[in-house]
């Protein structure tokens, strides 16, 4: 907790103080595994008061020297991050899938309604028009539906189809 505890020194010396904290831990008499654990905690606590870039710069060398990525604490944090990332990705994907499904469902409904209304109005809708209607976007289909009473023959339908 040294990067947090000594506020005066942290304010006065800034990045230099954090580097000194990391070096003090590295040069201590602690065994290798304890150093890894203490340095990982120091990095986490430093993140509360120092910029990410400063932490990256200072702790990158320390991580390489001690191979902190092998420590149990680092692995635990890494796994939590993976789980959280997967959950967020899954939720985003699910939400996007729902949105796309709604849009596709709306599009299919508009196609169906347009074909049914035109078939009812003209008694028979040629296949070529059915195919063209299926290619239209939602805006065009909505225009045809909204103006169904103004379309008196299939030639007038041409004005709406792209």
N, C-alpha and C. Protein backbone atom coordinates (compact mmCIF):
# COMPACT_ATOMS: atom_id res chain seq x y z
N UNK A 1 0.81 -1.21 0.00
CA UNK A 1 0.00 0.00 0.00
C UNK A 1 0.85 1.26 0.00
N UNK A 2 2.15 1.08 -0.03
CA UNK A 2 3.05 2.22 0.01
C UNK A 2 2.73 3.28 -1.05
N UNK A 3 2.40 2.91 -2.30
CA UNK A 3 2.08 3.96 -3.29
C UNK A 3 0.90 4.83 -2.87
N UNK A 4 0.04 4.33 -1.99
CA UNK A 4 -1.10 5.11 -1.52
C UNK A 4 -0.82 5.80 -0.19
N UNK A 5 -0.11 5.13 0.67
CA UNK A 5 0.03 5.56 2.06
C UNK A 5 0.82 6.86 2.23
N UNK A 6 1.93 7.01 1.56
CA UNK A 6 2.78 8.18 1.74
C UNK A 6 2.40 9.26 0.73
N UNK A 7 1.34 9.97 1.04
CA UNK A 7 0.80 10.99 0.13
C UNK A 7 1.79 12.11 -0.17
N UNK A 8 2.44 12.57 0.89
CA UNK A 8 3.37 13.69 0.71
C UNK A 8 4.47 13.34 -0.29
N UNK A 9 5.07 12.18 -0.11
CA UNK A 9 6.14 11.76 -1.01
C UNK A 9 5.60 11.52 -2.42
N UNK A 10 4.42 10.94 -2.49
CA UNK A 10 3.80 10.66 -3.79
C UNK A 10 3.56 11.96 -4.54
N UNK A 11 3.06 12.97 -3.85
CA UNK A 11 2.79 14.26 -4.48
C UNK A 11 4.09 14.96 -4.87
N UNK A 12 5.07 14.87 -4.00
CA UNK A 12 6.33 15.57 -4.22
C UNK A 12 7.17 14.92 -5.32
N UNK A 13 7.26 13.57 -5.29
CA UNK A 13 8.16 12.86 -6.20
C UNK A 13 7.45 12.20 -7.38
N UNK A 14 6.15 12.01 -7.29
CA UNK A 14 5.36 11.45 -8.39
C UNK A 14 5.82 10.10 -8.86
N UNK A 15 6.13 10.03 -10.15
CA UNK A 15 6.52 8.77 -10.80
C UNK A 15 7.79 8.18 -10.17
N UNK A 16 8.70 9.04 -9.78
CA UNK A 16 9.96 8.59 -9.15
C UNK A 16 9.66 7.81 -7.87
N UNK A 17 8.70 8.26 -7.10
CA UNK A 17 8.33 7.58 -5.85
C UNK A 17 7.78 6.18 -6.14
N UNK A 18 6.95 6.07 -7.14
CA UNK A 18 6.38 4.77 -7.48
C UNK A 18 7.48 3.81 -7.94
N UNK A 19 8.41 4.31 -8.74
CA UNK A 19 9.53 3.48 -9.19
C UNK A 19 10.35 3.01 -8.00
N UNK A 20 10.57 3.90 -7.04
CA UNK A 20 11.33 3.54 -5.84
C UNK A 20 10.61 2.46 -5.03
N UNK A 21 9.28 2.57 -4.93
CA UNK A 21 8.48 1.55 -4.23
C UNK A 21 8.69 0.18 -4.87
N UNK A 22 8.60 0.14 -6.20
CA UNK A 22 8.76 -1.12 -6.92
C UNK A 22 10.17 -1.67 -6.72
N UNK A 23 11.17 -0.82 -6.79
CA UNK A 23 12.55 -1.28 -6.60
C UNK A 23 12.78 -1.78 -5.17
N UNK A 24 12.19 -1.10 -4.19
CA UNK A 24 12.33 -1.54 -2.79
C UNK A 24 11.75 -2.95 -2.61
N UNK A 25 10.64 -3.20 -3.25
CA UNK A 25 10.04 -4.54 -3.15
C UNK A 25 10.94 -5.55 -3.84
N UNK A 26 11.44 -5.21 -5.02
CA UNK A 26 12.33 -6.12 -5.76
C UNK A 26 13.60 -6.45 -4.97
N UNK A 27 14.14 -5.46 -4.29
CA UNK A 27 15.41 -5.64 -3.58
C UNK A 27 15.22 -6.14 -2.15
N UNK A 28 14.00 -6.39 -1.75
CA UNK A 28 13.75 -6.85 -0.37
C UNK A 28 14.21 -8.30 -0.19
N UNK A 29 14.19 -8.75 1.05
CA UNK A 29 14.60 -10.11 1.39
C UNK A 29 13.46 -11.12 1.22
N UNK A 30 12.36 -10.69 0.69
CA UNK A 30 11.21 -11.59 0.52
C UNK A 30 11.54 -12.66 -0.52
N UNK A 31 10.90 -13.82 -0.37
CA UNK A 31 11.10 -14.87 -1.38
C UNK A 31 10.40 -14.45 -2.67
N UNK A 32 10.73 -15.11 -3.75
CA UNK A 32 10.27 -14.75 -5.10
C UNK A 32 8.74 -14.70 -5.20
N UNK A 33 8.06 -15.69 -4.68
CA UNK A 33 6.59 -15.74 -4.77
C UNK A 33 5.95 -14.61 -3.98
N UNK A 34 6.49 -14.29 -2.84
CA UNK A 34 5.95 -13.20 -2.03
C UNK A 34 6.17 -11.87 -2.74
N UNK A 35 7.34 -11.70 -3.35
CA UNK A 35 7.61 -10.48 -4.12
C UNK A 35 6.58 -10.32 -5.24
N UNK A 36 6.28 -11.41 -5.93
CA UNK A 36 5.27 -11.35 -7.00
C UNK A 36 3.93 -10.86 -6.47
N UNK A 37 3.53 -11.45 -5.35
CA UNK A 37 2.23 -11.09 -4.76
C UNK A 37 2.22 -9.63 -4.31
N UNK A 38 3.30 -9.19 -3.66
CA UNK A 38 3.37 -7.82 -3.16
C UNK A 38 3.42 -6.83 -4.32
N UNK A 39 4.18 -7.13 -5.34
CA UNK A 39 4.25 -6.24 -6.50
C UNK A 39 2.92 -6.15 -7.24
N UNK A 40 2.22 -7.26 -7.33
CA UNK A 40 0.91 -7.24 -7.98
C UNK A 40 -0.04 -6.35 -7.19
N UNK A 41 -0.01 -6.46 -5.88
CA UNK A 41 -0.87 -5.60 -5.05
C UNK A 41 -0.47 -4.14 -5.18
N UNK A 42 0.85 -3.89 -5.20
CA UNK A 42 1.33 -2.51 -5.35
C UNK A 42 0.86 -1.92 -6.68
N UNK A 43 0.89 -2.72 -7.73
CA UNK A 43 0.43 -2.26 -9.04
C UNK A 43 -1.06 -1.94 -9.00
N UNK A 44 -1.81 -2.78 -8.35
CA UNK A 44 -3.26 -2.56 -8.25
C UNK A 44 -3.54 -1.29 -7.47
N UNK A 45 -2.90 -1.13 -6.31
CA UNK A 45 -3.12 0.07 -5.50
C UNK A 45 -2.62 1.32 -6.20
N UNK A 46 -1.51 1.21 -6.91
CA UNK A 46 -0.98 2.37 -7.65
C UNK A 46 -1.99 2.83 -8.70
N UNK A 47 -2.77 1.88 -9.23
CA UNK A 47 -3.79 2.22 -10.23
C UNK A 47 -4.87 3.14 -9.71
N UNK A 48 -4.97 3.24 -8.40
CA UNK A 48 -5.97 4.14 -7.82
C UNK A 48 -5.53 5.60 -7.86
N UNK A 49 -4.21 5.84 -7.95
CA UNK A 49 -3.74 7.23 -7.90
C UNK A 49 -2.83 7.63 -9.07
N UNK A 50 -2.28 6.67 -9.80
CA UNK A 50 -1.39 6.99 -10.91
C UNK A 50 -2.07 6.68 -12.24
N UNK A 51 -1.62 7.37 -13.28
CA UNK A 51 -2.13 7.12 -14.64
C UNK A 51 -1.70 5.74 -15.10
N UNK A 52 -2.47 5.19 -15.97
CA UNK A 52 -2.19 3.86 -16.52
C UNK A 52 -0.83 3.81 -17.21
N UNK A 53 -0.48 4.86 -17.93
CA UNK A 53 0.79 4.89 -18.65
C UNK A 53 1.97 4.82 -17.70
N UNK A 54 1.88 5.52 -16.58
CA UNK A 54 2.95 5.50 -15.58
C UNK A 54 3.11 4.09 -15.02
N UNK A 55 2.00 3.47 -14.69
CA UNK A 55 2.03 2.12 -14.13
C UNK A 55 2.61 1.15 -15.15
N UNK A 56 2.19 1.26 -16.39
CA UNK A 56 2.71 0.40 -17.46
C UNK A 56 4.23 0.52 -17.53
N UNK A 57 4.71 1.75 -17.55
CA UNK A 57 6.13 2.02 -17.69
C UNK A 57 6.93 1.41 -16.53
N UNK A 58 6.48 1.62 -15.33
CA UNK A 58 7.24 1.18 -14.16
C UNK A 58 7.13 -0.31 -13.93
N UNK A 59 5.95 -0.85 -14.05
CA UNK A 59 5.75 -2.26 -13.69
C UNK A 59 6.04 -3.23 -14.83
N UNK A 60 6.17 -2.75 -16.06
CA UNK A 60 6.49 -3.63 -17.18
C UNK A 60 7.82 -4.35 -16.94
N UNK A 61 8.83 -3.59 -16.53
CA UNK A 61 10.14 -4.17 -16.26
C UNK A 61 10.08 -5.15 -15.09
N UNK A 62 9.36 -4.78 -14.06
CA UNK A 62 9.24 -5.62 -12.87
C UNK A 62 8.56 -6.94 -13.23
N UNK A 63 7.51 -6.85 -14.04
CA UNK A 63 6.79 -8.06 -14.44
C UNK A 63 7.69 -9.01 -15.22
N UNK A 64 8.54 -8.45 -16.06
CA UNK A 64 9.45 -9.28 -16.84
C UNK A 64 10.50 -9.94 -15.95
N UNK A 65 11.03 -9.20 -14.99
CA UNK A 65 12.06 -9.74 -14.11
C UNK A 65 11.52 -10.90 -13.28
N UNK A 66 10.35 -10.72 -12.72
CA UNK A 66 9.78 -11.74 -11.83
C UNK A 66 8.80 -12.68 -12.52
N UNK A 67 8.48 -12.41 -13.77
CA UNK A 67 7.49 -13.21 -14.50
C UNK A 67 6.19 -13.31 -13.69
N UNK A 68 5.65 -12.16 -13.36
CA UNK A 68 4.46 -12.06 -12.52
C UNK A 68 3.26 -12.77 -13.13
N UNK A 69 3.24 -12.89 -14.45
CA UNK A 69 2.10 -13.55 -15.10
C UNK A 69 1.89 -14.97 -14.61
N UNK A 70 2.90 -15.58 -14.04
CA UNK A 70 2.77 -16.95 -13.52
C UNK A 70 2.19 -16.99 -12.10
N UNK A 71 2.11 -15.84 -11.43
CA UNK A 71 1.63 -15.84 -10.05
C UNK A 71 0.14 -16.15 -9.99
N UNK A 72 -0.25 -16.74 -8.88
CA UNK A 72 -1.66 -17.12 -8.68
C UNK A 72 -2.56 -15.90 -8.68
N UNK A 73 -2.13 -14.80 -8.07
CA UNK A 73 -2.93 -13.58 -8.01
C UNK A 73 -3.17 -13.00 -9.39
N UNK A 74 -2.13 -12.96 -10.20
CA UNK A 74 -2.26 -12.44 -11.56
C UNK A 74 -3.20 -13.33 -12.36
N UNK A 75 -3.03 -14.63 -12.24
CA UNK A 75 -3.87 -15.58 -12.97
C UNK A 75 -5.34 -15.41 -12.59
N UNK A 76 -5.60 -15.19 -11.30
CA UNK A 76 -6.97 -15.01 -10.82
C UNK A 76 -7.59 -13.75 -11.44
N UNK A 77 -6.84 -12.66 -11.42
CA UNK A 77 -7.33 -11.41 -11.99
C UNK A 77 -7.53 -11.56 -13.50
N UNK A 78 -6.58 -12.21 -14.15
CA UNK A 78 -6.68 -12.44 -15.59
C UNK A 78 -7.91 -13.26 -15.94
N UNK A 79 -8.17 -14.31 -15.18
CA UNK A 79 -9.34 -15.16 -15.43
C UNK A 79 -10.63 -14.40 -15.20
N UNK A 80 -10.67 -13.55 -14.17
CA UNK A 80 -11.86 -12.73 -13.93
C UNK A 80 -12.10 -11.80 -15.13
N UNK A 81 -11.02 -11.23 -15.65
CA UNK A 81 -11.14 -10.36 -16.82
C UNK A 81 -11.66 -11.11 -18.03
N UNK A 82 -11.15 -12.33 -18.23
CA UNK A 82 -11.64 -13.14 -19.35
C UNK A 82 -13.12 -13.44 -19.21
N UNK A 83 -13.52 -13.84 -18.03
CA UNK A 83 -14.94 -14.17 -17.79
C UNK A 83 -15.81 -12.94 -18.03
N UNK A 84 -15.38 -11.80 -17.49
CA UNK A 84 -16.16 -10.57 -17.66
C UNK A 84 -16.24 -10.19 -19.14
N UNK A 85 -15.11 -10.30 -19.84
CA UNK A 85 -15.09 -9.98 -21.27
C UNK A 85 -16.00 -10.88 -22.06
N UNK A 86 -15.99 -12.17 -21.74
CA UNK A 86 -16.88 -13.10 -22.44
C UNK A 86 -18.34 -12.78 -22.18
N UNK A 87 -18.66 -12.47 -20.91
CA UNK A 87 -20.05 -12.15 -20.56
C UNK A 87 -20.51 -10.90 -21.28
N UNK A 88 -19.66 -9.88 -21.27
CA UNK A 88 -20.04 -8.63 -21.95
C UNK A 88 -20.18 -8.85 -23.45
N UNK A 89 -19.23 -9.62 -24.01
CA UNK A 89 -19.30 -9.92 -25.44
C UNK A 89 -20.54 -10.72 -25.78
N UNK A 90 -20.86 -11.69 -24.91
CA UNK A 90 -22.05 -12.51 -25.12
C UNK A 90 -23.30 -11.66 -25.05
N UNK A 91 -23.35 -10.77 -24.05
CA UNK A 91 -24.54 -9.92 -23.90
C UNK A 91 -24.68 -8.96 -25.09
N UNK A 92 -23.55 -8.38 -25.53
CA UNK A 92 -23.61 -7.49 -26.69
C UNK A 92 -24.06 -8.25 -27.93
N UNK A 93 -23.49 -9.44 -28.12
CA UNK A 93 -23.86 -10.26 -29.27
C UNK A 93 -25.33 -10.64 -29.23
N UNK A 94 -25.78 -10.98 -28.06
CA UNK A 94 -27.19 -11.35 -27.89
C UNK A 94 -28.10 -10.17 -28.20
N UNK A 95 -27.72 -8.99 -27.70
CA UNK A 95 -28.51 -7.80 -27.94
C UNK A 95 -28.52 -7.44 -29.43
N UNK A 96 -27.35 -7.53 -30.08
CA UNK A 96 -27.29 -7.25 -31.51
C UNK A 96 -28.11 -8.26 -32.29
N UNK A 97 -28.06 -9.52 -31.87
CA UNK A 97 -28.84 -10.56 -32.53
C UNK A 97 -30.33 -10.30 -32.42
N UNK A 98 -30.75 -9.88 -31.25
CA UNK A 98 -32.17 -9.55 -31.06
C UNK A 98 -32.58 -8.40 -31.97
N UNK A 99 -31.74 -7.38 -32.00
CA UNK A 99 -32.05 -6.21 -32.83
C UNK A 99 -32.15 -6.61 -34.30
N UNK A 100 -31.19 -7.40 -34.77
CA UNK A 100 -31.23 -7.85 -36.16
C UNK A 100 -32.45 -8.71 -36.42
N UNK A 101 -32.80 -9.55 -35.46
CA UNK A 101 -33.98 -10.40 -35.59
C UNK A 101 -35.26 -9.58 -35.70
N UNK A 102 -35.34 -8.53 -34.89
CA UNK A 102 -36.51 -7.64 -34.96
C UNK A 102 -36.60 -6.97 -36.33
N UNK A 103 -35.46 -6.48 -36.81
CA UNK A 103 -35.45 -5.81 -38.11
C UNK A 103 -35.83 -6.78 -39.22
N UNK A 104 -35.29 -7.98 -39.18
CA UNK A 104 -35.63 -8.98 -40.20
C UNK A 104 -37.09 -9.36 -40.12
N UNK A 105 -37.59 -9.51 -38.89
CA UNK A 105 -39.00 -9.84 -38.71
C UNK A 105 -39.91 -8.75 -39.23
N UNK A 106 -39.53 -7.50 -38.97
CA UNK A 106 -40.32 -6.37 -39.47
C UNK A 106 -40.30 -6.35 -41.00
N UNK A 107 -39.13 -6.58 -41.56
CA UNK A 107 -38.99 -6.59 -43.02
C UNK A 107 -39.87 -7.69 -43.63
N UNK A 108 -39.80 -8.88 -43.05
CA UNK A 108 -40.60 -10.00 -43.57
C UNK A 108 -42.09 -9.70 -43.45
N UNK A 109 -42.49 -9.07 -42.35
CA UNK A 109 -43.91 -8.72 -42.16
C UNK A 109 -44.36 -7.71 -43.21
N UNK A 110 -43.52 -6.72 -43.47
CA UNK A 110 -43.88 -5.72 -44.47
C UNK A 110 -43.99 -6.34 -45.85
N UNK A 111 -43.07 -7.24 -46.19
CA UNK A 111 -43.14 -7.94 -47.48
C UNK A 111 -44.44 -8.71 -47.56
N UNK A 112 -44.74 -9.46 -46.51
CA UNK A 112 -45.95 -10.29 -46.49
C UNK A 112 -47.21 -9.44 -46.63
N UNK A 113 -47.31 -8.37 -45.87
CA UNK A 113 -48.49 -7.51 -45.92
C UNK A 113 -48.62 -6.85 -47.30
N UNK A 114 -47.50 -6.39 -47.83
CA UNK A 114 -47.52 -5.74 -49.15
C UNK A 114 -48.03 -6.71 -50.22
N UNK A 115 -47.50 -7.91 -50.23
CA UNK A 115 -47.92 -8.91 -51.22
C UNK A 115 -49.39 -9.26 -51.04
N UNK A 116 -49.81 -9.45 -49.80
CA UNK A 116 -51.21 -9.81 -49.54
C UNK A 116 -52.16 -8.70 -49.97
N UNK A 117 -51.83 -7.46 -49.64
CA UNK A 117 -52.71 -6.35 -50.01
C UNK A 117 -52.80 -6.17 -51.53
N UNK A 118 -51.63 -6.24 -52.19
CA UNK A 118 -51.63 -6.07 -53.65
C UNK A 118 -52.33 -7.25 -54.34
N UNK A 119 -52.14 -8.45 -53.81
CA UNK A 119 -52.82 -9.62 -54.38
C UNK A 119 -54.33 -9.49 -54.23
N UNK A 120 -54.76 -8.99 -53.10
CA UNK A 120 -56.19 -8.81 -52.87
C UNK A 120 -56.75 -7.69 -53.77
N UNK A 121 -55.99 -6.62 -53.90
CA UNK A 121 -56.46 -5.50 -54.70
C UNK A 121 -56.53 -5.85 -56.19
N UNK A 122 -55.49 -6.56 -56.71
CA UNK A 122 -55.43 -6.85 -58.14
C UNK A 122 -55.80 -8.29 -58.47
N UNK A 123 -56.29 -9.04 -57.51
CA UNK A 123 -56.75 -10.44 -57.63
C UNK A 123 -55.62 -11.40 -57.96
N UNK A 124 -54.66 -10.96 -58.68
CA UNK A 124 -53.51 -11.82 -59.01
C UNK A 124 -52.31 -10.91 -59.16
N UNK A 125 -51.22 -11.26 -58.46
CA UNK A 125 -50.00 -10.46 -58.54
C UNK A 125 -48.94 -11.28 -59.27
N UNK A 126 -48.49 -10.81 -60.43
CA UNK A 126 -47.50 -11.57 -61.20
C UNK A 126 -46.23 -11.86 -60.37
N UNK A 127 -45.62 -13.00 -60.65
CA UNK A 127 -44.42 -13.44 -59.92
C UNK A 127 -43.30 -12.41 -59.96
N UNK A 128 -43.17 -11.75 -61.09
CA UNK A 128 -42.09 -10.77 -61.22
C UNK A 128 -42.25 -9.64 -60.19
N UNK A 129 -43.51 -9.26 -59.90
CA UNK A 129 -43.76 -8.23 -58.89
C UNK A 129 -43.50 -8.78 -57.48
N UNK A 130 -43.88 -10.01 -57.27
CA UNK A 130 -43.62 -10.63 -55.96
C UNK A 130 -42.12 -10.64 -55.70
N UNK A 131 -41.34 -11.04 -56.70
CA UNK A 131 -39.88 -11.08 -56.55
C UNK A 131 -39.32 -9.69 -56.29
N UNK A 132 -39.80 -8.70 -57.02
CA UNK A 132 -39.31 -7.34 -56.84
C UNK A 132 -39.69 -6.78 -55.47
N UNK A 133 -40.88 -7.10 -55.01
CA UNK A 133 -41.33 -6.63 -53.69
C UNK A 133 -40.42 -7.21 -52.60
N UNK A 134 -40.04 -8.45 -52.75
CA UNK A 134 -39.17 -9.10 -51.76
C UNK A 134 -37.78 -8.45 -51.68
N UNK A 135 -37.39 -7.73 -52.73
CA UNK A 135 -36.08 -7.08 -52.77
C UNK A 135 -36.11 -5.66 -52.19
N UNK A 136 -37.29 -5.13 -51.91
CA UNK A 136 -37.41 -3.74 -51.47
C UNK A 136 -37.06 -3.58 -49.99
N UNK A 137 -36.64 -2.36 -49.64
CA UNK A 137 -36.36 -2.08 -48.23
C UNK A 137 -37.65 -1.69 -47.51
N UNK A 138 -37.56 -1.56 -46.20
CA UNK A 138 -38.74 -1.29 -45.38
C UNK A 138 -39.42 0.03 -45.76
N UNK A 139 -38.64 1.03 -46.11
CA UNK A 139 -39.21 2.32 -46.46
C UNK A 139 -40.12 2.21 -47.68
N UNK A 140 -39.65 1.55 -48.73
CA UNK A 140 -40.44 1.40 -49.96
C UNK A 140 -41.71 0.60 -49.69
N UNK A 141 -41.55 -0.48 -48.94
CA UNK A 141 -42.72 -1.32 -48.63
C UNK A 141 -43.76 -0.52 -47.84
N UNK A 142 -43.31 0.28 -46.91
CA UNK A 142 -44.24 1.09 -46.12
C UNK A 142 -44.94 2.12 -47.01
N UNK A 143 -44.23 2.66 -47.98
CA UNK A 143 -44.83 3.62 -48.92
C UNK A 143 -45.93 2.95 -49.75
N UNK A 144 -45.67 1.73 -50.21
CA UNK A 144 -46.68 1.00 -50.98
C UNK A 144 -47.91 0.74 -50.11
N UNK A 145 -47.69 0.28 -48.90
CA UNK A 145 -48.81 -0.01 -47.99
C UNK A 145 -49.60 1.27 -47.70
N UNK A 146 -48.89 2.36 -47.41
CA UNK A 146 -49.57 3.62 -47.09
C UNK A 146 -50.38 4.17 -48.27
N UNK A 147 -49.95 3.86 -49.48
CA UNK A 147 -50.60 4.41 -50.68
C UNK A 147 -51.39 3.36 -51.46
N UNK A 148 -51.72 2.27 -50.84
CA UNK A 148 -52.39 1.16 -51.53
C UNK A 148 -53.70 1.60 -52.19
N UNK A 149 -54.40 2.55 -51.59
CA UNK A 149 -55.67 2.99 -52.16
C UNK A 149 -55.48 3.93 -53.35
N UNK A 150 -54.27 4.47 -53.49
CA UNK A 150 -53.99 5.38 -54.62
C UNK A 150 -53.40 4.64 -55.81
N UNK A 151 -53.00 3.41 -55.63
CA UNK A 151 -52.43 2.61 -56.71
C UNK A 151 -53.59 1.88 -57.40
N UNK A 152 -53.87 2.27 -58.65
CA UNK A 152 -55.03 1.72 -59.34
C UNK A 152 -54.70 0.61 -60.32
N UNK A 153 -53.46 0.54 -60.78
CA UNK A 153 -53.06 -0.60 -61.61
C UNK A 153 -51.57 -0.86 -61.40
N UNK A 154 -51.12 -1.98 -61.93
CA UNK A 154 -49.75 -2.40 -61.68
C UNK A 154 -48.71 -1.43 -62.25
N UNK A 155 -49.06 -0.71 -63.28
CA UNK A 155 -48.11 0.27 -63.83
C UNK A 155 -47.82 1.38 -62.81
N UNK A 156 -48.80 1.73 -62.00
CA UNK A 156 -48.59 2.74 -60.95
C UNK A 156 -47.70 2.20 -59.83
N UNK A 157 -47.70 0.89 -59.66
CA UNK A 157 -46.85 0.27 -58.66
C UNK A 157 -45.37 0.46 -59.02
N UNK A 158 -45.09 0.56 -60.33
CA UNK A 158 -43.73 0.76 -60.82
C UNK A 158 -43.08 2.02 -60.21
N UNK A 159 -43.93 3.03 -59.96
CA UNK A 159 -43.40 4.28 -59.40
C UNK A 159 -42.78 4.07 -58.02
N UNK A 160 -43.23 3.04 -57.32
CA UNK A 160 -42.74 2.79 -55.96
C UNK A 160 -41.56 1.81 -55.92
N UNK A 161 -41.57 0.88 -56.85
CA UNK A 161 -40.53 -0.16 -56.84
C UNK A 161 -39.25 0.35 -57.47
N UNK A 162 -38.15 0.02 -56.87
CA UNK A 162 -36.86 0.50 -57.36
C UNK A 162 -36.24 -0.48 -58.31
